[in-house]
PDB file of N, CA and C in Angstrom:
ATOM      1  N   MET A   1     104.880 -29.957   6.250  1.00  0.00           N
ATOM      2  CA  MET A   1     105.115 -31.221   5.116  1.00  0.00           C
ATOM      3  C   MET A   1     104.771 -30.083   3.762  1.00  0.00           C
ATOM      4  N   THR A   2     105.652 -31.118   2.936  1.00  0.00           N
ATOM      5  CA  THR A   2     105.617 -30.368   1.426  1.00  0.00           C
ATOM      6  C   THR A   2     104.649 -31.005   0.630  1.00  0.00           C
ATOM      7  N   VAL A   3     104.292 -30.887  -0.238  1.00  0.00           N
ATOM      8  CA  VAL A   3     103.485 -31.823  -1.372  1.00  0.00           C
ATOM      9  C   VAL A   3     103.597 -31.091  -2.670  1.00  0.00           C
ATOM     10  N   ILE A   4     103.610 -32.127  -3.837  1.00  0.00           N
ATOM     11  CA  ILE A   4     103.703 -31.505  -5.303  1.00  0.00           C
ATOM     12  C   ILE A   4     102.215 -31.775  -5.962  1.00  0.00           C
ATOM     13  N   PRO A   5     102.066 -31.117  -6.821  1.00  0.00           N
ATOM     14  CA  PRO A   5     101.134 -31.746  -7.856  1.00  0.00           C
ATOM     15  C   PRO A   5     100.957 -33.280  -7.944  1.00  0.00           C
ATOM     16  N   ALA A   6     100.203 -33.887  -8.194  1.00  0.00           N
ATOM     17  CA  ALA A   6     100.105 -35.263  -8.750  1.00  0.00           C
ATOM     18  C   ALA A   6      99.612 -34.900 -10.678  1.00  0.00           C
ATOM     19  N   TYR A   7     100.378 -36.636 -10.989  1.00  0.00           N
ATOM     20  CA  TYR A   7      99.783 -36.778 -12.343  1.00  0.00           C
ATOM     21  C   TYR A   7      99.944 -35.972 -13.160  1.00  0.00           C
ATOM     22  N   GLY A   8     101.191 -35.304 -13.336  1.00  0.00           N
ATOM     23  CA  GLY A   8     101.245 -34.539 -14.365  1.00  0.00           C
ATOM     24  C   GLY A   8     101.345 -32.844 -14.213  1.00  0.00           C
ATOM     25  N   ARG A   9     100.492 -32.561 -13.427  1.00  0.00           N
ATOM     26  CA  ARG A   9     100.143 -31.137 -13.538  1.00  0.00           C
ATOM     27  C   ARG A   9     100.792 -30.309 -12.983  1.00  0.00           C
ATOM     28  N   ASP A  10     101.211 -29.143 -13.254  1.00  0.00           N
ATOM     29  CA  ASP A  10     101.871 -28.102 -12.831  1.00  0.00           C
ATOM     30  C   ASP A  10     101.432 -26.889 -13.026  1.00  0.00           C
ATOM     31  N   TYR A  11     101.417 -26.068 -12.102  1.00  0.00           N
ATOM     32  CA  TYR A  11     100.962 -24.426 -11.951  1.00  0.00           C
ATOM     33  C   TYR A  11     101.810 -23.508 -12.420  1.00  0.00           C
ATOM     34  N   LYS A  12     101.223 -22.452 -13.074  1.00  0.00           N
ATOM     35  CA  LYS A  12     101.844 -20.968 -13.041  1.00  0.00           C
ATOM     36  C   LYS A  12     101.414 -20.213 -11.708  1.00  0.00           C
ATOM     37  N   SER A  13     100.379 -20.042 -11.273  1.00  0.00           N
ATOM     38  CA  SER A  13     100.245 -18.945  -9.794  1.00  0.00           C
ATOM     39  C   SER A  13     100.100 -20.011  -8.724  1.00  0.00           C
ATOM     40  N   ALA A  14     100.356 -19.317  -7.886  1.00  0.00           N
ATOM     41  CA  ALA A  14      99.796 -19.702  -6.191  1.00  0.00           C
ATOM     42  C   ALA A  14      98.620 -19.644  -6.239  1.00  0.00           C
ATOM     43  N   LYS A  15      97.513 -18.999  -7.119  1.00  0.00           N
ATOM     44  CA  LYS A  15      96.103 -18.872  -6.646  1.00  0.00           C
ATOM     45  C   LYS A  15      95.433 -20.062  -7.450  1.00  0.00           C
ATOM     46  N   ALA A  16      95.978 -20.541  -8.606  1.00  0.00           N
ATOM     47  CA  ALA A  16      96.038 -22.038  -9.263  1.00  0.00           C
ATOM     48  C   ALA A  16      96.102 -23.047  -8.559  1.00  0.00           C
ATOM     49  N   VAL A  17      97.205 -23.032  -7.488  1.00  0.00           N
ATOM     50  CA  VAL A  17      97.334 -23.958  -6.803  1.00  0.00           C
ATOM     51  C   VAL A  17      96.503 -24.287  -5.655  1.00  0.00           C
ATOM     52  N   LYS A  18      96.073 -23.549  -5.126  1.00  0.00           N
ATOM     53  CA  LYS A  18      95.627 -23.122  -3.962  1.00  0.00           C
ATOM     54  C   LYS A  18      93.710 -23.428  -4.053  1.00  0.00           C
ATOM     55  N   ALA A  19      93.497 -23.331  -5.278  1.00  0.00           N
ATOM     56  CA  ALA A  19      92.202 -23.264  -5.929  1.00  0.00           C
ATOM     57  C   ALA A  19      92.054 -24.836  -5.992  1.00  0.00           C
ATOM     58  N   ASP A  20      93.044 -25.603  -6.710  1.00  0.00           N
ATOM     59  CA  ASP A  20      93.065 -26.860  -6.848  1.00  0.00           C
ATOM     60  C   ASP A  20      93.201 -27.846  -5.614  1.00  0.00           C
ATOM     61  N   TRP A  21      94.070 -26.809  -4.468  1.00  0.00           N
ATOM     62  CA  TRP A  21      93.995 -27.983  -2.692  1.00  0.00           C
ATOM     63  C   TRP A  21      92.623 -27.795  -2.514  1.00  0.00           C
ATOM     64  N   GLN A  22      92.003 -26.830  -2.406  1.00  0.00           N
ATOM     65  CA  GLN A  22      90.469 -26.567  -1.755  1.00  0.00           C
ATOM     66  C   GLN A  22      89.825 -27.178  -2.606  1.00  0.00           C
ATOM     67  N   ALA A  23      89.568 -27.521  -3.822  1.00  0.00           N
ATOM     68  CA  ALA A  23      88.613 -28.231  -4.870  1.00  0.00           C
ATOM     69  C   ALA A  23      88.456 -29.860  -4.368  1.00  0.00           C
ATOM     70  N   GLY A  24      89.979 -29.941  -3.718  1.00  0.00           N
ATOM     71  CA  GLY A  24      90.297 -31.649  -2.888  1.00  0.00           C
ATOM     72  C   GLY A  24      91.103 -32.806  -4.271  1.00  0.00           C
ATOM     73  N   LYS A  25      91.400 -32.183  -4.879  1.00  0.00           N
ATOM     74  CA  LYS A  25      92.453 -32.389  -6.395  1.00  0.00           C
ATOM     75  C   LYS A  25      93.776 -32.889  -5.037  1.00  0.00           C
ATOM     76  N   ASP A  26      94.385 -34.346  -6.019  1.00  0.00           N
ATOM     77  CA  ASP A  26      95.226 -35.092  -5.243  1.00  0.00           C
ATOM     78  C   ASP A  26      96.535 -34.220  -5.479  1.00  0.00           C
ATOM     79  N   PHE A  27      97.246 -34.344  -4.804  1.00  0.00           N
ATOM     80  CA  PHE A  27      98.758 -34.069  -4.475  1.00  0.00           C
ATOM     81  C   PHE A  27      99.720 -35.043  -3.993  1.00  0.00           C
ATOM     82  N   ILE A  28     100.915 -35.059  -4.285  1.00  0.00           N
ATOM     83  CA  ILE A  28     101.864 -36.268  -3.651  1.00  0.00           C
ATOM     84  C   ILE A  28     102.907 -35.639  -2.556  1.00  0.00           C
ATOM     85  N   ILE A  29     102.746 -36.445  -1.216  1.00  0.00           N
ATOM     86  CA  ILE A  29     103.276 -36.173  -0.160  1.00  0.00           C
ATOM     87  C   ILE A  29     105.202 -36.100  -0.670  1.00  0.00           C
ATOM     88  N   SER A  30     105.805 -35.030  -0.456  1.00  0.00           N
ATOM     89  CA  SER A  30     107.041 -34.844  -0.728  1.00  0.00           C
ATOM     90  C   SER A  30     107.893 -34.359   0.396  1.00  0.00           C
ATOM     91  N   ASP A  31     108.387 -35.703   1.237  1.00  0.00           N
ATOM     92  CA  ASP A  31     109.079 -35.191   2.383  1.00  0.00           C
ATOM     93  C   ASP A  31     109.344 -36.113   2.880  1.00  0.00           C
ATOM     94  N   MET A  32     110.808 -36.727   2.868  1.00  0.00           N
ATOM     95  CA  MET A  32     111.409 -37.654   3.318  1.00  0.00           C
ATOM     96  C   MET A  32     111.239 -37.932   4.713  1.00  0.00           C
ATOM     97  N   SER A  33     110.819 -37.008   5.955  1.00  0.00           N
ATOM     98  CA  SER A  33     110.463 -37.585   7.090  1.00  0.00           C
ATOM     99  C   SER A  33     109.128 -38.247   7.255  1.00  0.00           C
ATOM    100  N   HIS A  34     108.548 -37.842   6.366  1.00  0.00           N
ATOM    101  CA  HIS A  34     106.906 -38.535   6.547  1.00  0.00           C
ATOM    102  C   HIS A  34     107.158 -40.142   5.952  1.00  0.00           C
ATOM    103  N   PRO A  35     106.264 -40.497   6.941  1.00  0.00           N
ATOM    104  CA  PRO A  35     106.167 -42.262   6.588  1.00  0.00           C
ATOM    105  C   PRO A  35     105.214 -42.313   5.244  1.00  0.00           C
ATOM    106  N   TYR A  36     105.013 -41.327   4.901  1.00  0.00           N
ATOM    107  CA  TYR A  36     103.977 -41.725   3.435  1.00  0.00           C
ATOM    108  C   TYR A  36     104.656 -40.720   2.345  1.00  0.00           C
ATOM    109  N   ASP A  37     105.852 -40.941   2.289  1.00  0.00           N
ATOM    110  CA  ASP A  37     106.917 -39.944   1.187  1.00  0.00           C
ATOM    111  C   ASP A  37     106.135 -40.851   0.113  1.00  0.00           C
ATOM    112  N   MET A  38     106.016 -39.712  -0.858  1.00  0.00           N
ATOM    113  CA  MET A  38     105.664 -40.146  -2.663  1.00  0.00           C
ATOM    114  C   MET A  38     104.152 -40.793  -2.674  1.00  0.00           C
ATOM    115  N   LYS A  39     103.198 -40.664  -1.376  1.00  0.00           N
ATOM    116  CA  LYS A  39     102.061 -40.992  -1.312  1.00  0.00           C
ATOM    117  C   LYS A  39     100.968 -40.483  -2.467  1.00  0.00           C
ATOM    118  N   PRO A  40      99.993 -40.574  -2.515  1.00  0.00           N
ATOM    119  CA  PRO A  40      98.746 -39.303  -3.318  1.00  0.00           C
ATOM    120  C   PRO A  40      98.092 -39.183  -1.918  1.00  0.00           C
ATOM    121  N   VAL A  41      97.784 -37.742  -1.721  1.00  0.00           N
ATOM    122  CA  VAL A  41      96.792 -36.927  -0.767  1.00  0.00           C
ATOM    123  C   VAL A  41      96.018 -36.041  -1.051  1.00  0.00           C
ATOM    124  N   SER A  42      95.197 -35.536  -0.516  1.00  0.00           N
ATOM    125  CA  SER A  42      94.471 -34.556  -0.763  1.00  0.00           C
ATOM    126  C   SER A  42      94.059 -33.552   0.596  1.00  0.00           C
ATOM    127  N   LYS A  43      93.772 -32.594  -0.110  1.00  0.00           N
ATOM    128  CA  LYS A  43      93.516 -31.689   1.548  1.00  0.00           C
ATOM    129  C   LYS A  43      92.574 -32.336   2.630  1.00  0.00           C
ATOM    130  N   ARG A  44      91.432 -33.043   2.452  1.00  0.00           N
ATOM    131  CA  ARG A  44      90.642 -33.808   3.768  1.00  0.00           C
ATOM    132  C   ARG A  44      91.485 -35.127   4.249  1.00  0.00           C
ATOM    133  N   ASP A  45      92.349 -35.407   3.258  1.00  0.00           N
ATOM    134  CA  ASP A  45      93.621 -36.453   4.141  1.00  0.00           C
ATOM    135  C   ASP A  45      94.645 -35.871   5.032  1.00  0.00           C
ATOM    136  N   LEU A  46      94.536 -34.180   4.929  1.00  0.00           N
ATOM    137  CA  LEU A  46      95.586 -33.746   6.029  1.00  0.00           C
ATOM    138  C   LEU A  46      95.025 -32.456   6.525  1.00  0.00           C
ATOM    139  N   GLN A  47      93.695 -32.520   7.045  1.00  0.00           N
ATOM    140  CA  GLN A  47      92.977 -31.716   7.798  1.00  0.00           C
ATOM    141  C   GLN A  47      93.681 -31.584   9.510  1.00  0.00           C
ATOM    142  N   GLN A  48      94.010 -32.623   9.498  1.00  0.00           N
ATOM    143  CA  GLN A  48      95.059 -32.402  11.112  1.00  0.00           C
ATOM    144  C   GLN A  48      96.232 -31.536  11.156  1.00  0.00           C
ATOM    145  N   GLU A  49      96.866 -31.817   9.782  1.00  0.00           N
ATOM    146  CA  GLU A  49      98.107 -31.152   9.654  1.00  0.00           C
ATOM    147  C   GLU A  49      98.167 -29.324   9.993  1.00  0.00           C
ATOM    148  N   PRO A  50      99.108 -28.884  10.457  1.00  0.00           N
ATOM    149  CA  PRO A  50      99.047 -27.735  10.451  1.00  0.00           C
ATOM    150  C   PRO A  50      99.306 -27.060   9.297  1.00  0.00           C
ATOM    151  N   TYR A  51     100.050 -27.299   9.076  1.00  0.00           N
ATOM    152  CA  TYR A  51     101.261 -26.734   8.198  1.00  0.00           C
ATOM    153  C   TYR A  51     101.454 -27.543   6.820  1.00  0.00           C
ATOM    154  N   VAL A  52     101.341 -26.715   5.848  1.00  0.00           N
ATOM    155  CA  VAL A  52     101.519 -27.529   4.307  1.00  0.00           C
ATOM    156  C   VAL A  52     101.959 -26.493   3.333  1.00  0.00           C
ATOM    157  N   LEU A  53     103.268 -27.049   2.638  1.00  0.00           N
ATOM    158  CA  LEU A  53     103.582 -26.352   1.973  1.00  0.00           C
ATOM    159  C   LEU A  53     103.486 -26.885   0.313  1.00  0.00           C
ATOM    160  N   ILE A  54     103.136 -26.327  -0.350  1.00  0.00           N
ATOM    161  CA  ILE A  54     102.595 -26.724  -1.871  1.00  0.00           C
ATOM    162  C   ILE A  54     103.913 -26.162  -2.869  1.00  0.00           C
ATOM    163  N   ARG A  55     104.893 -26.970  -3.895  1.00  0.00           N
ATOM    164  CA  ARG A  55     105.525 -26.208  -4.529  1.00  0.00           C
ATOM    165  C   ARG A  55     104.695 -26.599  -5.779  1.00  0.00           C
ATOM    166  N   TYR A  56     105.268 -25.455  -6.730  1.00  0.00           N
ATOM    167  CA  TYR A  56     104.723 -25.320  -7.806  1.00  0.00           C
ATOM    168  C   TYR A  56     105.216 -24.557  -9.204  1.00  0.00           C
ATOM    169  N   ASP A  57     105.126 -24.790 -10.395  1.00  0.00           N
ATOM    170  CA  ASP A  57     105.989 -24.118 -11.256  1.00  0.00           C
ATOM    171  C   ASP A  57     107.480 -24.545 -11.567  1.00  0.00           C
ATOM    172  N   LYS A  58     106.774 -26.661 -11.853  1.00  0.00           N
ATOM    173  CA  LYS A  58     108.228 -26.745 -11.966  1.00  0.00           C
ATOM    174  C   LYS A  58     108.818 -27.312 -10.927  1.00  0.00           C
ATOM    175  N   LEU A  59     108.031 -26.898  -9.676  1.00  0.00           N
ATOM    176  CA  LEU A  59     108.890 -27.365  -8.176  1.00  0.00           C
ATOM    177  C   LEU A  59     109.988 -26.137  -7.725  1.00  0.00           C
ATOM    178  N   ARG A  60     109.847 -24.955  -8.378  1.00  0.00           N
ATOM    179  CA  ARG A  60     110.691 -23.780  -8.263  1.00  0.00           C
ATOM    180  C   ARG A  60     110.391 -22.447  -7.338  1.00  0.00           C
ATOM    181  N   LYS A  61     108.659 -22.705  -7.115  1.00  0.00           N
ATOM    182  CA  LYS A  61     107.945 -21.968  -6.360  1.00  0.00           C
ATOM    183  C   LYS A  61     107.545 -22.630  -5.261  1.00  0.00           C
ATOM    184  N   VAL A  62     106.828 -22.255  -4.092  1.00  0.00           N
ATOM    185  CA  VAL A  62     106.079 -22.562  -2.933  1.00  0.00           C
ATOM    186  C   VAL A  62     105.344 -21.840  -2.332  1.00  0.00           C
ATOM    187  N   THR A  63     104.179 -22.033  -1.877  1.00  0.00           N
ATOM    188  CA  THR A  63     103.113 -21.308  -1.283  1.00  0.00           C
ATOM    189  C   THR A  63     102.551 -22.321  -0.246  1.00  0.00           C
ATOM    190  N   GLN A  64     101.591 -21.462   0.928  1.00  0.00           N
ATOM    191  CA  GLN A  64     101.386 -22.375   1.976  1.00  0.00           C
ATOM    192  C   GLN A  64     100.142 -22.577   1.644  1.00  0.00           C
ATOM    193  N   ALA A  65      99.257 -24.022   1.699  1.00  0.00           N
ATOM    194  CA  ALA A  65      97.940 -24.174   1.453  1.00  0.00           C
ATOM    195  C   ALA A  65      97.091 -23.867   1.871  1.00  0.00           C
TER     196      ALA A  65
END
């Protein structure tokens, strides 16, 4: 599953993205095959998800959560 930062946030480093993910900030599901595509989500909502990718830096880079 892929998520993107919510509320206009963007990040320049993977470290900053991971810090906000761990802090429980909201991200948006960006996965056409997911039934909740484009809905807000946080780390606690996806605890059962084994593999989460986060796009950042104007959606040009990807890191694993």
